[in-house]
Amino acid sequence: MNGGCANENAHLLQGILRDECGFDGFAVSDWGISNDHVEGVRAGAHLEMPAAGGDSDEKLIRAVQDGKLSEDILNQGGG
């Protein structure tokens, strides 16, 4: 949307998918489309595909530790 990835777009993942459509499931990126997994999680994504070999996991941990990402966001959705 406007040059950004759908996987990192809160309007699409939160506003439309969850709020308007009532989706309460697990949001997975399309294969190779996750540019910034921390921003994807902040927007409402859950799983990055293909797996980034642990790099994205470390970035998520650092973002929570640095106060840049709420742990509550990690616990939302997924059914």
PDB file of N, CA and C in Angstrom:
ATOM      1  N   MET A   1       0.855  -1.181   0.000  1.00  0.00           N
ATOM      2  CA  MET A   1       0.000   0.000   0.000  1.00  0.00           C
ATOM      3  C   MET A   1       0.891   1.232   0.000  1.00  0.00           C
ATOM      4  N   ASN A   2       0.783   2.018  -1.018  1.00  0.00           N
ATOM      5  CA  ASN A   2       1.611   3.210  -1.166  1.00  0.00           C
ATOM      6  C   ASN A   2       3.091   2.890  -1.067  1.00  0.00           C
ATOM      7  N   GLY A   3       3.510   1.769  -1.634  1.00  0.00           N
ATOM      8  CA  GLY A   3       4.913   1.407  -1.653  1.00  0.00           C
ATOM      9  C   GLY A   3       5.373   0.568  -0.482  1.00  0.00           C
ATOM     10  N   GLY A   4       4.571   0.391   0.546  1.00  0.00           N
ATOM     11  CA  GLY A   4       4.945  -0.406   1.709  1.00  0.00           C
ATOM     12  C   GLY A   4       4.448  -1.835   1.589  1.00  0.00           C
ATOM     13  N   CYS A   5       4.966  -2.686   2.440  1.00  0.00           N
ATOM     14  CA  CYS A   5       4.557  -4.094   2.447  1.00  0.00           C
ATOM     15  C   CYS A   5       3.265  -4.280   3.238  1.00  0.00           C
ATOM     16  N   ALA A   6       2.377  -5.100   2.723  1.00  0.00           N
ATOM     17  CA  ALA A   6       1.136  -5.402   3.431  1.00  0.00           C
ATOM     18  C   ALA A   6       1.435  -6.014   4.791  1.00  0.00           C
ATOM     19  N   ASN A   7       2.505  -6.774   4.892  1.00  0.00           N
ATOM     20  CA  ASN A   7       2.893  -7.432   6.134  1.00  0.00           C
ATOM     21  C   ASN A   7       3.267  -6.433   7.230  1.00  0.00           C
ATOM     22  N   GLU A   8       3.552  -5.204   6.852  1.00  0.00           N
ATOM     23  CA  GLU A   8       3.951  -4.176   7.815  1.00  0.00           C
ATOM     24  C   GLU A   8       2.949  -3.023   7.852  1.00  0.00           C
ATOM     25  N   ASN A   9       1.728  -3.279   7.422  1.00  0.00           N
ATOM     26  CA  ASN A   9       0.722  -2.240   7.315  1.00  0.00           C
ATOM     27  C   ASN A   9      -0.389  -2.455   8.345  1.00  0.00           C
ATOM     28  N   ALA A  10      -0.393  -1.634   9.384  1.00  0.00           N
ATOM     29  CA  ALA A  10      -1.374  -1.761  10.465  1.00  0.00           C
ATOM     30  C   ALA A  10      -2.805  -1.530   9.969  1.00  0.00           C
ATOM     31  N   HIS A  11      -2.976  -0.647   8.989  1.00  0.00           N
ATOM     32  CA  HIS A  11      -4.323  -0.399   8.464  1.00  0.00           C
ATOM     33  C   HIS A  11      -4.902  -1.679   7.866  1.00  0.00           C
ATOM     34  N   LEU A  12      -4.081  -2.416   7.129  1.00  0.00           N
ATOM     35  CA  LEU A  12      -4.560  -3.665   6.527  1.00  0.00           C
ATOM     36  C   LEU A  12      -4.720  -4.778   7.561  1.00  0.00           C
ATOM     37  N   LEU A  13      -3.694  -4.967   8.398  1.00  0.00           N
ATOM     38  CA  LEU A  13      -3.712  -6.097   9.333  1.00  0.00           C
ATOM     39  C   LEU A  13      -4.618  -5.877  10.540  1.00  0.00           C
ATOM     40  N   GLN A  14      -4.630  -4.672  11.068  1.00  0.00           N
ATOM     41  CA  GLN A  14      -5.471  -4.380  12.242  1.00  0.00           C
ATOM     42  C   GLN A  14      -6.827  -3.817  11.822  1.00  0.00           C
ATOM     43  N   GLY A  15      -6.777  -2.713  11.068  1.00  0.00           N
ATOM     44  CA  GLY A  15      -8.002  -2.015  10.705  1.00  0.00           C
ATOM     45  C   GLY A  15      -8.965  -2.837   9.866  1.00  0.00           C
ATOM     46  N   ILE A  16      -8.477  -3.413   8.800  1.00  0.00           N
ATOM     47  CA  ILE A  16      -9.355  -4.160   7.904  1.00  0.00           C
ATOM     48  C   ILE A  16      -9.496  -5.621   8.326  1.00  0.00           C
ATOM     49  N   LEU A  17      -8.378  -6.339   8.398  1.00  0.00           N
ATOM     50  CA  LEU A  17      -8.435  -7.775   8.672  1.00  0.00           C
ATOM     51  C   LEU A  17      -9.078  -8.091  10.029  1.00  0.00           C
ATOM     52  N   ARG A  18      -8.607  -7.452  11.084  1.00  0.00           N
ATOM     53  CA  ARG A  18      -9.114  -7.771  12.426  1.00  0.00           C
ATOM     54  C   ARG A  18     -10.381  -6.991  12.788  1.00  0.00           C
ATOM     55  N   ASP A  19     -10.303  -5.651  12.679  1.00  0.00           N
ATOM     56  CA  ASP A  19     -11.426  -4.823  13.131  1.00  0.00           C
ATOM     57  C   ASP A  19     -12.652  -4.954  12.220  1.00  0.00           C
ATOM     58  N   GLU A  20     -12.477  -4.762  10.916  1.00  0.00           N
ATOM     59  CA  GLU A  20     -13.626  -4.803   9.998  1.00  0.00           C
ATOM     60  C   GLU A  20     -14.104  -6.218   9.700  1.00  0.00           C
ATOM     61  N   CYS A  21     -13.153  -7.133   9.489  1.00  0.00           N
ATOM     62  CA  CYS A  21     -13.531  -8.501   9.097  1.00  0.00           C
ATOM     63  C   CYS A  21     -13.662  -9.453  10.286  1.00  0.00           C
ATOM     64  N   GLY A  22     -13.209  -9.028  11.462  1.00  0.00           N
ATOM     65  CA  GLY A  22     -13.331  -9.865  12.649  1.00  0.00           C
ATOM     66  C   GLY A  22     -12.377 -11.047  12.696  1.00  0.00           C
ATOM     67  N   PHE A  23     -11.313 -11.010  11.890  1.00  0.00           N
ATOM     68  CA  PHE A  23     -10.341 -12.105  11.869  1.00  0.00           C
ATOM     69  C   PHE A  23      -9.611 -12.194  13.209  1.00  0.00           C
ATOM     70  N   ASP A  24      -9.574 -13.387  13.787  1.00  0.00           N
ATOM     71  CA  ASP A  24      -8.915 -13.587  15.077  1.00  0.00           C
ATOM     72  C   ASP A  24      -7.873 -14.705  14.961  1.00  0.00           C
ATOM     73  N   GLY A  25      -7.309 -14.839  13.783  1.00  0.00           N
ATOM     74  CA  GLY A  25      -6.356 -15.920  13.542  1.00  0.00           C
ATOM     75  C   GLY A  25      -4.921 -15.447  13.513  1.00  0.00           C
ATOM     76  N   PHE A  26      -4.105 -16.268  12.923  1.00  0.00           N
ATOM     77  CA  PHE A  26      -2.662 -16.132  12.876  1.00  0.00           C
ATOM     78  C   PHE A  26      -2.279 -15.528  11.523  1.00  0.00           C
ATOM     79  N   ALA A  27      -1.626 -14.368  11.515  1.00  0.00           N
ATOM     80  CA  ALA A  27      -1.246 -13.703  10.267  1.00  0.00           C
ATOM     81  C   ALA A  27       0.192 -14.059   9.903  1.00  0.00           C
ATOM     82  N   VAL A  28       0.368 -14.675   8.743  1.00  0.00           N
ATOM     83  CA  VAL A  28       1.674 -15.127   8.259  1.00  0.00           C
ATOM     84  C   VAL A  28       2.050 -14.325   7.020  1.00  0.00           C
ATOM     85  N   SER A  29       3.307 -13.886   6.952  1.00  0.00           N
ATOM     86  CA  SER A  29       3.748 -13.135   5.780  1.00  0.00           C
ATOM     87  C   SER A  29       3.758 -14.031   4.544  1.00  0.00           C
ATOM     88  N   ASP A  30       3.601 -13.398   3.403  1.00  0.00           N
ATOM     89  CA  ASP A  30       3.816 -14.121   2.160  1.00  0.00           C
ATOM     90  C   ASP A  30       5.309 -14.463   2.101  1.00  0.00           C
ATOM     91  N   TRP A  31       5.678 -15.433   1.342  1.00  0.00           N
ATOM     92  CA  TRP A  31       7.051 -15.932   1.301  1.00  0.00           C
ATOM     93  C   TRP A  31       8.003 -14.819   0.847  1.00  0.00           C
ATOM     94  N   GLY A  32       8.908 -14.436   1.746  1.00  0.00           N
ATOM     95  CA  GLY A  32       9.950 -13.470   1.424  1.00  0.00           C
ATOM     96  C   GLY A  32       9.528 -12.016   1.417  1.00  0.00           C
ATOM     97  N   ILE A  33       8.338 -11.688   1.891  1.00  0.00           N
ATOM     98  CA  ILE A  33       7.857 -10.310   1.810  1.00  0.00           C
ATOM     99  C   ILE A  33       8.086  -9.518   3.109  1.00  0.00           C
ATOM    100  N   SER A  34       8.583 -10.141   4.140  1.00  0.00           N
ATOM    101  CA  SER A  34       8.805  -9.434   5.400  1.00  0.00           C
ATOM    102  C   SER A  34      10.135  -8.691   5.359  1.00  0.00           C
ATOM    103  N   ASN A  35      10.056  -7.359   5.283  1.00  0.00           N
ATOM    104  CA  ASN A  35      11.272  -6.542   5.262  1.00  0.00           C
ATOM    105  C   ASN A  35      11.766  -6.222   6.658  1.00  0.00           C
ATOM    106  N   ASP A  36      10.845  -6.034   7.602  1.00  0.00           N
ATOM    107  CA  ASP A  36      11.187  -5.664   8.974  1.00  0.00           C
ATOM    108  C   ASP A  36      10.199  -6.383   9.896  1.00  0.00           C
ATOM    109  N   HIS A  37      10.635  -7.496  10.478  1.00  0.00           N
ATOM    110  CA  HIS A  37       9.715  -8.322  11.262  1.00  0.00           C
ATOM    111  C   HIS A  37       9.204  -7.595  12.503  1.00  0.00           C
ATOM    112  N   VAL A  38      10.013  -6.749  13.109  1.00  0.00           N
ATOM    113  CA  VAL A  38       9.549  -5.981  14.273  1.00  0.00           C
ATOM    114  C   VAL A  38       8.379  -5.091  13.856  1.00  0.00           C
ATOM    115  N   GLU A  39       8.510  -4.402  12.735  1.00  0.00           N
ATOM    116  CA  GLU A  39       7.408  -3.555  12.251  1.00  0.00           C
ATOM    117  C   GLU A  39       6.215  -4.402  11.828  1.00  0.00           C
ATOM    118  N   GLY A  40       6.474  -5.572  11.275  1.00  0.00           N
ATOM    119  CA  GLY A  40       5.387  -6.477  10.922  1.00  0.00           C
ATOM    120  C   GLY A  40       4.595  -6.909  12.143  1.00  0.00           C
ATOM    121  N   VAL A  41       5.292  -7.272  13.200  1.00  0.00           N
ATOM    122  CA  VAL A  41       4.627  -7.678  14.448  1.00  0.00           C
ATOM    123  C   VAL A  41       3.860  -6.498  15.035  1.00  0.00           C
ATOM    124  N   ARG A  42       4.475  -5.332  15.021  1.00  0.00           N
ATOM    125  CA  ARG A  42       3.799  -4.132  15.535  1.00  0.00           C
ATOM    126  C   ARG A  42       2.499  -3.878  14.745  1.00  0.00           C
ATOM    127  N   ALA A  43       2.511  -4.178  13.453  1.00  0.00           N
ATOM    128  CA  ALA A  43       1.339  -3.961  12.593  1.00  0.00           C
ATOM    129  C   ALA A  43       0.292  -5.058  12.736  1.00  0.00           C
ATOM    130  N   GLY A  44       0.672  -6.229  13.292  1.00  0.00           N
ATOM    131  CA  GLY A  44      -0.297  -7.297  13.485  1.00  0.00           C
ATOM    132  C   GLY A  44       0.078  -8.638  12.873  1.00  0.00           C
ATOM    133  N   ALA A  45       1.265  -8.751  12.290  1.00  0.00           N
ATOM    134  CA  ALA A  45       1.721 -10.035  11.734  1.00  0.00           C
ATOM    135  C   ALA A  45       2.261 -10.919  12.861  1.00  0.00           C
ATOM    136  N   HIS A  46       2.274 -12.218  12.635  1.00  0.00           N
ATOM    137  CA  HIS A  46       2.751 -13.148  13.653  1.00  0.00           C
ATOM    138  C   HIS A  46       3.981 -13.938  13.237  1.00  0.00           C
ATOM    139  N   LEU A  47       4.015 -14.385  12.006  1.00  0.00           N
ATOM    140  CA  LEU A  47       5.078 -15.279  11.571  1.00  0.00           C
ATOM    141  C   LEU A  47       5.668 -14.802  10.261  1.00  0.00           C
ATOM    142  N   GLU A  48       6.978 -14.768  10.214  1.00  0.00           N
ATOM    143  CA  GLU A  48       7.715 -14.370   9.018  1.00  0.00           C
ATOM    144  C   GLU A  48       8.172 -15.620   8.280  1.00  0.00           C
ATOM    145  N   MET A  49       7.876 -15.668   6.972  1.00  0.00           N
ATOM    146  CA  MET A  49       8.289 -16.811   6.157  1.00  0.00           C
ATOM    147  C   MET A  49       9.130 -16.326   4.988  1.00  0.00           C
ATOM    148  N   PRO A  50      10.195 -17.002   4.635  1.00  0.00           N
ATOM    149  CA  PRO A  50      10.748 -18.131   5.369  1.00  0.00           C
ATOM    150  C   PRO A  50      11.412 -17.630   6.647  1.00  0.00           C
ATOM    151  N   ALA A  51      11.679 -18.534   7.534  1.00  0.00           N
ATOM    152  CA  ALA A  51      12.336 -18.171   8.793  1.00  0.00           C
ATOM    153  C   ALA A  51      13.665 -17.489   8.499  1.00  0.00           C
ATOM    154  N   ALA A  52      14.013 -16.525   9.310  1.00  0.00           N
ATOM    155  CA  ALA A  52      15.225 -15.724   9.088  1.00  0.00           C
ATOM    156  C   ALA A  52      16.428 -16.264   9.855  1.00  0.00           C
ATOM    157  N   GLY A  53      16.382 -17.510  10.262  1.00  0.00           N
ATOM    158  CA  GLY A  53      17.522 -18.112  10.938  1.00  0.00           C
ATOM    159  C   GLY A  53      17.790 -17.553  12.323  1.00  0.00           C
ATOM    160  N   GLY A  54      16.767 -17.001  12.957  1.00  0.00           N
ATOM    161  CA  GLY A  54      16.912 -16.476  14.314  1.00  0.00           C
ATOM    162  C   GLY A  54      17.201 -14.987  14.380  1.00  0.00           C
ATOM    163  N   ASP A  55      17.586 -14.371  13.266  1.00  0.00           N
ATOM    164  CA  ASP A  55      17.886 -12.937  13.269  1.00  0.00           C
ATOM    165  C   ASP A  55      16.678 -12.098  13.673  1.00  0.00           C
ATOM    166  N   SER A  56      15.524 -12.403  13.114  1.00  0.00           N
ATOM    167  CA  SER A  56      14.317 -11.643  13.445  1.00  0.00           C
ATOM    168  C   SER A  56      13.895 -11.873  14.891  1.00  0.00           C
ATOM    169  N   ASP A  57      14.118 -13.079  15.387  1.00  0.00           N
ATOM    170  CA  ASP A  57      13.803 -13.367  16.789  1.00  0.00           C
ATOM    171  C   ASP A  57      14.638 -12.480  17.710  1.00  0.00           C
ATOM    172  N   GLU A  58      15.913 -12.360  17.397  1.00  0.00           N
ATOM    173  CA  GLU A  58      16.806 -11.511  18.196  1.00  0.00           C
ATOM    174  C   GLU A  58      16.375 -10.052  18.128  1.00  0.00           C
ATOM    175  N   LYS A  59      15.947  -9.608  16.955  1.00  0.00           N
ATOM    176  CA  LYS A  59      15.479  -8.230  16.812  1.00  0.00           C
ATOM    177  C   LYS A  59      14.215  -7.988  17.625  1.00  0.00           C
ATOM    178  N   LEU A  60      13.315  -8.982  17.667  1.00  0.00           N
ATOM    179  CA  LEU A  60      12.106  -8.859  18.485  1.00  0.00           C
ATOM    180  C   LEU A  60      12.459  -8.768  19.963  1.00  0.00           C
ATOM    181  N   ILE A  61      13.374  -9.614  20.412  1.00  0.00           N
ATOM    182  CA  ILE A  61      13.797  -9.608  21.814  1.00  0.00           C
ATOM    183  C   ILE A  61      14.397  -8.251  22.171  1.00  0.00           C
ATOM    184  N   ARG A  62      15.287  -7.749  21.322  1.00  0.00           N
ATOM    185  CA  ARG A  62      15.912  -6.442  21.581  1.00  0.00           C
ATOM    186  C   ARG A  62      14.877  -5.324  21.593  1.00  0.00           C
ATOM    187  N   ALA A  63      13.913  -5.386  20.674  1.00  0.00           N
ATOM    188  CA  ALA A  63      12.886  -4.348  20.621  1.00  0.00           C
ATOM    189  C   ALA A  63      12.061  -4.327  21.906  1.00  0.00           C
ATOM    190  N   VAL A  64      11.739  -5.494  22.454  1.00  0.00           N
ATOM    191  CA  VAL A  64      10.997  -5.562  23.717  1.00  0.00           C
ATOM    192  C   VAL A  64      11.884  -5.057  24.861  1.00  0.00           C
ATOM    193  N   GLN A  65      13.117  -5.514  24.909  1.00  0.00           N
ATOM    194  CA  GLN A  65      14.040  -5.099  25.971  1.00  0.00           C
ATOM    195  C   GLN A  65      14.290  -3.593  25.949  1.00  0.00           C
ATOM    196  N   ASP A  66      14.349  -3.009  24.750  1.00  0.00           N
ATOM    197  CA  ASP A  66      14.606  -1.569  24.609  1.00  0.00           C
ATOM    198  C   ASP A  66      13.345  -0.725  24.758  1.00  0.00           C
ATOM    199  N   GLY A  67      12.196  -1.382  24.970  1.00  0.00           N
ATOM    200  CA  GLY A  67      10.940  -0.657  25.130  1.00  0.00           C
ATOM    201  C   GLY A  67      10.350  -0.153  23.821  1.00  0.00           C
ATOM    202  N   LYS A  68      10.830  -0.663  22.691  1.00  0.00           N
ATOM    203  CA  LYS A  68      10.328  -0.231  21.392  1.00  0.00           C
ATOM    204  C   LYS A  68       9.142  -1.059  20.912  1.00  0.00           C
ATOM    205  N   LEU A  69       8.898  -2.182  21.569  1.00  0.00           N
ATOM    206  CA  LEU A  69       7.802  -3.077  21.208  1.00  0.00           C
ATOM    207  C   LEU A  69       7.216  -3.641  22.496  1.00  0.00           C
ATOM    208  N   SER A  70       5.912  -3.527  22.644  1.00  0.00           N
ATOM    209  CA  SER A  70       5.239  -4.032  23.835  1.00  0.00           C
ATOM    210  C   SER A  70       5.131  -5.556  23.792  1.00  0.00           C
ATOM    211  N   GLU A  71       5.376  -6.188  24.907  1.00  0.00           N
ATOM    212  CA  GLU A  71       5.229  -7.644  24.990  1.00  0.00           C
ATOM    213  C   GLU A  71       3.776  -8.059  24.746  1.00  0.00           C
ATOM    214  N   ASP A  72       2.840  -7.181  25.050  1.00  0.00           N
ATOM    215  CA  ASP A  72       1.416  -7.469  24.800  1.00  0.00           C
ATOM    216  C   ASP A  72       1.149  -7.696  23.314  1.00  0.00           C
ATOM    217  N   ILE A  73       1.861  -6.973  22.459  1.00  0.00           N
ATOM    218  CA  ILE A  73       1.689  -7.151  21.021  1.00  0.00           C
ATOM    219  C   ILE A  73       2.082  -8.570  20.610  1.00  0.00           C
ATOM    220  N   LEU A  74       3.089  -9.124  21.251  1.00  0.00           N
ATOM    221  CA  LEU A  74       3.533 -10.474  20.924  1.00  0.00           C
ATOM    222  C   LEU A  74       2.497 -11.522  21.320  1.00  0.00           C
ATOM    223  N   ASN A  75       1.631 -11.178  22.248  1.00  0.00           N
ATOM    224  CA  ASN A  75       0.650 -12.129  22.757  1.00  0.00           C
ATOM    225  C   ASN A  75      -0.726 -11.999  22.131  1.00  0.00           C
ATOM    226  N   GLN A  76      -0.929 -11.083  21.211  1.00  0.00           N
ATOM    227  CA  GLN A  76      -2.259 -10.875  20.627  1.00  0.00           C
ATOM    228  C   GLN A  76      -2.523 -11.816  19.473  1.00  0.00           C
ATOM    229  N   GLY A  77      -3.779 -12.027  19.199  1.00  0.00           N
ATOM    230  CA  GLY A  77      -4.205 -12.798  18.036  1.00  0.00           C
ATOM    231  C   GLY A  77      -3.854 -14.279  18.120  1.00  0.00           C
ATOM    232  N   GLY A  78      -3.876 -14.892  16.989  1.00  0.00           N
ATOM    233  CA  GLY A  78      -3.532 -16.307  16.905  1.00  0.00           C
ATOM    234  C   GLY A  78      -4.634 -17.235  17.365  1.00  0.00           C
ATOM    235  N   GLY A  79      -5.851 -16.736  17.473  1.00  0.00           N
ATOM    236  CA  GLY A  79      -6.986 -17.599  17.745  1.00  0.00           C
ATOM    237  C   GLY A  79      -7.314 -17.721  19.157  1.00  0.00           C
TER     238      GLY A  79
END
